Amino acid sequence: MNLIEPIFQQISSVEKPQRKFIFILLTALTYLPRRMNFRNLGRYSPLNEKTFSRWFHRSFYFVTFNLLSLKDSTDKGEWISAIDASFLPKSGRSSYGLDWF
């Protein structure tokens, strides 16, 4: 928790209970062996799946958190951005390039 505590100090809207939850969430996501859903998060962490469900209804500024963590970890002004577009629907007749040859 010592690594992300300075980042939380810079975001004024994050209170102590939410800090604790985000720390547990990020820790559980690093070693989760299967699908990431509330049931598996409840299995592999000290919190219940209902607790994850309740906390996910609250807002958290992940963009600000990510930008501040990148700012603290990089010394240079150069950043690279990458997007994984594997979530796009690719099956069926609407796939690009799928046709009779």
Protein backbone atom coordinates (compact mmCIF):
# COMPACT_ATOMS: atom_id res chain seq x y z
CA MET A 1 0.00 0.00 0.00
CA ASN A 2 3.01 2.25 0.36
CA LEU A 3 3.47 2.47 -3.42
CA ILE A 4 0.01 3.78 -4.22
CA GLU A 5 -0.51 5.88 -1.10
CA PRO A 6 1.16 9.00 -2.60
CA ILE A 7 -1.14 8.70 -5.60
CA PHE A 8 -4.20 8.58 -3.33
CA GLN A 9 -2.93 11.65 -1.49
CA GLN A 10 -3.09 13.61 -4.75
CA ILE A 11 -6.72 12.61 -5.40
CA SER A 12 -8.74 14.49 -2.81
CA SER A 13 -12.06 12.67 -3.33
CA VAL A 14 -10.75 9.23 -2.26
CA GLU A 15 -11.39 8.47 1.40
CA LYS A 16 -9.78 5.78 3.55
CA PRO A 17 -12.38 2.99 3.07
CA GLN A 18 -12.25 3.41 -0.70
CA ARG A 19 -8.44 3.42 -0.61
CA LYS A 20 -8.48 0.13 1.25
CA PHE A 21 -10.94 -1.38 -1.24
CA ILE A 22 -8.97 -0.25 -4.30
CA PHE A 23 -5.78 -1.67 -2.79
CA ILE A 24 -7.46 -5.05 -2.18
CA LEU A 25 -8.99 -4.97 -5.67
CA LEU A 26 -5.69 -4.24 -7.41
CA THR A 27 -3.93 -6.89 -5.35
CA ALA A 28 -6.57 -9.51 -6.17
CA LEU A 29 -6.50 -8.66 -9.87
CA THR A 30 -2.77 -9.35 -10.05
CA TYR A 31 -3.05 -12.97 -8.96
CA LEU A 32 -6.56 -13.93 -10.07
CA PRO A 33 -6.13 -17.20 -12.00
CA ARG A 34 -9.43 -17.28 -13.88
CA ARG A 35 -12.17 -14.98 -15.07
CA MET A 36 -12.52 -11.67 -13.29
CA ASN A 37 -15.99 -11.52 -11.82
CA PHE A 38 -17.36 -10.76 -8.36
CA ARG A 39 -17.57 -14.41 -7.35
CA ASN A 40 -13.91 -15.10 -8.13
CA LEU A 41 -12.83 -11.83 -6.54
CA GLY A 42 -14.68 -12.93 -3.41
CA ARG A 43 -12.94 -16.31 -3.48
CA TYR A 44 -9.41 -15.02 -3.80
CA SER A 45 -9.59 -11.98 -1.54
CA PRO A 46 -10.65 -11.26 2.04
CA LEU A 47 -13.83 -9.47 0.88
CA ASN A 48 -17.21 -10.93 -0.03
CA GLU A 49 -18.58 -10.83 -3.59
CA LYS A 50 -21.46 -8.61 -2.40
CA THR A 51 -18.90 -6.14 -1.07
CA PHE A 52 -17.31 -5.92 -4.51
CA SER A 53 -20.73 -5.41 -6.05
CA ARG A 54 -21.53 -2.56 -3.67
CA TRP A 55 -18.17 -0.82 -4.17
CA PHE A 56 -18.40 -1.06 -7.94
CA HIS A 57 -21.60 1.03 -7.81
CA ARG A 58 -19.55 3.95 -6.50
CA SER A 59 -17.50 6.15 -8.77
CA PHE A 60 -13.72 6.14 -8.84
CA TYR A 61 -11.52 8.21 -11.12
CA PHE A 62 -9.40 5.48 -12.73
CA VAL A 63 -8.20 7.83 -15.47
CA THR A 64 -6.77 10.24 -12.89
CA PHE A 65 -5.33 7.35 -10.89
CA ASN A 66 -3.63 5.90 -13.99
CA LEU A 67 -2.27 9.27 -15.12
CA LEU A 68 -0.83 10.01 -11.68
CA SER A 69 0.73 6.54 -11.44
CA LEU A 70 2.31 7.00 -14.88
CA LYS A 71 3.56 10.44 -13.94
CA ASP A 72 5.25 9.07 -10.82
CA SER A 73 6.81 6.13 -12.65
CA THR A 74 8.22 7.95 -15.66
CA ASP A 75 11.08 10.41 -15.51
CA LYS A 76 11.00 11.38 -19.18
CA GLY A 77 8.22 13.18 -20.98
CA GLU A 78 7.70 10.40 -23.51
CA TRP A 79 4.60 8.19 -23.22
CA ILE A 80 3.30 5.41 -25.43
CA SER A 81 -0.36 4.49 -25.60
CA ALA A 82 -1.74 1.14 -26.76
CA ILE A 83 -5.29 -0.10 -27.21
CA ASP A 84 -6.33 -3.73 -27.32
CA ALA A 85 -9.24 -3.95 -29.74
CA SER A 86 -9.95 -7.63 -29.13
CA PHE A 87 -13.32 -6.79 -27.58
CA LEU A 88 -14.80 -5.90 -30.99
CA PRO A 89 -17.35 -8.40 -32.30
CA LYS A 90 -15.68 -10.55 -34.95
CA SER A 91 -17.92 -13.57 -35.40
CA GLY A 92 -20.68 -14.22 -37.90
CA ARG A 93 -21.38 -12.56 -41.19
CA SER A 94 -20.52 -9.07 -39.93
CA SER A 95 -16.80 -9.85 -39.67
CA TYR A 96 -14.54 -7.87 -41.92
CA GLY A 97 -13.10 -10.05 -44.66
CA LEU A 98 -15.56 -12.92 -44.20
CA ASP A 99 -16.93 -13.77 -47.61
CA TRP A 100 -17.19 -16.54 -50.20
CA PHE A 101 -14.08 -16.90 -52.34
